[in-house]
């Protein structure tokens, strides 16, 4: 069933000071059989692309969104800030990522 909850209320776009981290029931692992990183929850396995895995590896609850974006800019030639924020916001809606403030 599609969600009717507005994404804006969960957006990280306006608060680069939030510190994202994986929710307690979520694990980021490398799956040797798939040769890809996966996000594991009790109910699902989500296969990630390299960019998604790189973002989530930086979500340690210590780095702010702004610091994550800065680190990604060091690693990659082009970083679409809005896409990174949207990725994190989507995971927050699905309760895969939690955020705290400074």
Protein backbone atom coordinates (compact mmCIF):
# COMPACT_ATOMS: atom_id res chain seq x y z
CA UNK A 1 0.00 0.00 0.00
CA UNK A 2 1.51 3.38 -0.98
CA UNK A 3 2.33 5.73 1.84
CA UNK A 4 0.42 8.98 2.04
CA UNK A 5 2.95 10.44 4.45
CA UNK A 6 4.64 13.52 2.97
CA UNK A 7 8.36 13.05 2.44
CA UNK A 8 9.01 16.67 3.38
CA UNK A 9 8.41 15.98 7.05
CA UNK A 10 11.23 13.43 6.98
CA UNK A 11 13.56 15.40 4.76
CA UNK A 12 17.15 15.86 5.75
CA UNK A 13 17.53 18.62 3.16
CA UNK A 14 17.01 21.44 5.65
CA UNK A 15 19.12 20.09 8.47
CA UNK A 16 22.68 19.18 7.59
CA UNK A 17 23.44 19.05 11.33
CA UNK A 18 21.53 15.79 11.79
CA UNK A 19 23.70 12.76 12.50
CA UNK A 20 22.35 9.68 10.70
CA UNK A 21 23.07 6.15 11.83
CA UNK A 22 21.65 2.75 11.03
CA UNK A 23 18.68 1.79 13.16
CA UNK A 24 19.50 -0.82 15.84
CA UNK A 25 17.80 -3.63 13.91
CA UNK A 26 19.64 -2.87 10.64
CA UNK A 27 23.03 -4.16 9.51
CA UNK A 28 25.21 -3.21 6.55
CA UNK A 29 27.14 -6.23 5.28
CA UNK A 30 29.05 -7.33 2.21
CA UNK A 31 27.42 -10.39 0.67
CA UNK A 32 30.14 -12.48 -1.02
CA UNK A 33 27.59 -14.50 -3.01
CA UNK A 34 26.12 -11.34 -4.56
CA UNK A 35 29.45 -9.48 -4.50
CA UNK A 36 27.48 -6.46 -3.27
CA UNK A 37 26.74 -4.69 -0.04
CA UNK A 38 23.35 -5.43 1.45
CA UNK A 39 21.23 -3.79 4.08
CA UNK A 40 19.80 -6.44 6.39
CA UNK A 41 16.68 -6.08 8.51
CA UNK A 42 14.73 -8.83 10.24
CA UNK A 43 12.28 -8.90 7.31
CA UNK A 44 14.29 -7.85 4.26
CA UNK A 45 17.55 -7.89 2.40
CA UNK A 46 18.16 -4.81 0.27
CA UNK A 47 20.95 -5.04 -2.30
CA UNK A 48 22.82 -1.73 -2.49
CA UNK A 49 24.79 -0.16 -5.27
CA UNK A 50 28.30 1.10 -4.49
CA UNK A 51 27.10 4.66 -3.89
CA UNK A 52 24.41 3.60 -1.40
CA UNK A 53 26.93 1.46 0.47
CA UNK A 54 29.44 4.35 0.59
CA UNK A 55 26.80 6.67 2.05
CA UNK A 56 25.69 4.17 4.67
CA UNK A 57 29.25 3.32 5.70
CA UNK A 58 29.57 6.98 6.74
CA UNK A 59 26.35 6.93 8.79
CA UNK A 60 27.92 6.30 12.16
CA UNK A 61 25.88 8.69 14.31
CA UNK A 62 28.96 10.87 14.72
CA UNK A 63 29.15 12.54 11.31
CA UNK A 64 26.60 15.12 10.34
CA UNK A 65 24.89 15.06 6.96
CA UNK A 66 27.14 17.99 5.97
CA UNK A 67 30.24 15.99 6.97
CA UNK A 68 29.01 12.94 5.05
CA UNK A 69 28.50 15.09 1.96
CA UNK A 70 31.97 16.59 2.37
CA UNK A 71 33.56 13.13 2.65
CA UNK A 72 31.69 11.92 -0.43
CA UNK A 73 32.99 14.97 -2.37
CA UNK A 74 36.55 13.94 -1.43
CA UNK A 75 35.93 10.42 -2.76
CA UNK A 76 33.94 11.20 -5.90
CA UNK A 77 34.13 13.78 -8.68
CA UNK A 78 30.42 14.58 -8.58
CA UNK A 79 28.08 14.33 -5.63
CA UNK A 80 24.41 15.25 -5.96
CA UNK A 81 23.71 16.57 -2.47
CA UNK A 82 19.94 16.44 -2.93
CA UNK A 83 20.09 12.80 -4.05
CA UNK A 84 22.14 11.82 -1.00
CA UNK A 85 19.68 13.63 1.27
CA UNK A 86 16.73 12.00 -0.52
CA UNK A 87 18.35 8.56 -0.15
CA UNK A 88 18.80 9.10 3.58
CA UNK A 89 15.31 10.55 3.96
CA UNK A 90 13.82 7.51 2.23
CA UNK A 91 15.67 5.18 4.59
CA UNK A 92 14.52 7.27 7.54
CA UNK A 93 10.88 6.89 6.43
CA UNK A 94 11.42 3.12 6.22
CA UNK A 95 13.01 3.22 9.69
CA UNK A 96 16.32 1.88 8.39
CA UNK A 97 18.14 5.06 9.45
CA UNK A 98 17.73 7.17 12.57
CA UNK A 99 19.04 10.67 13.16
CA UNK A 100 20.07 12.67 16.17
CA UNK A 101 21.11 16.27 16.64
CA UNK A 102 24.57 17.38 17.79
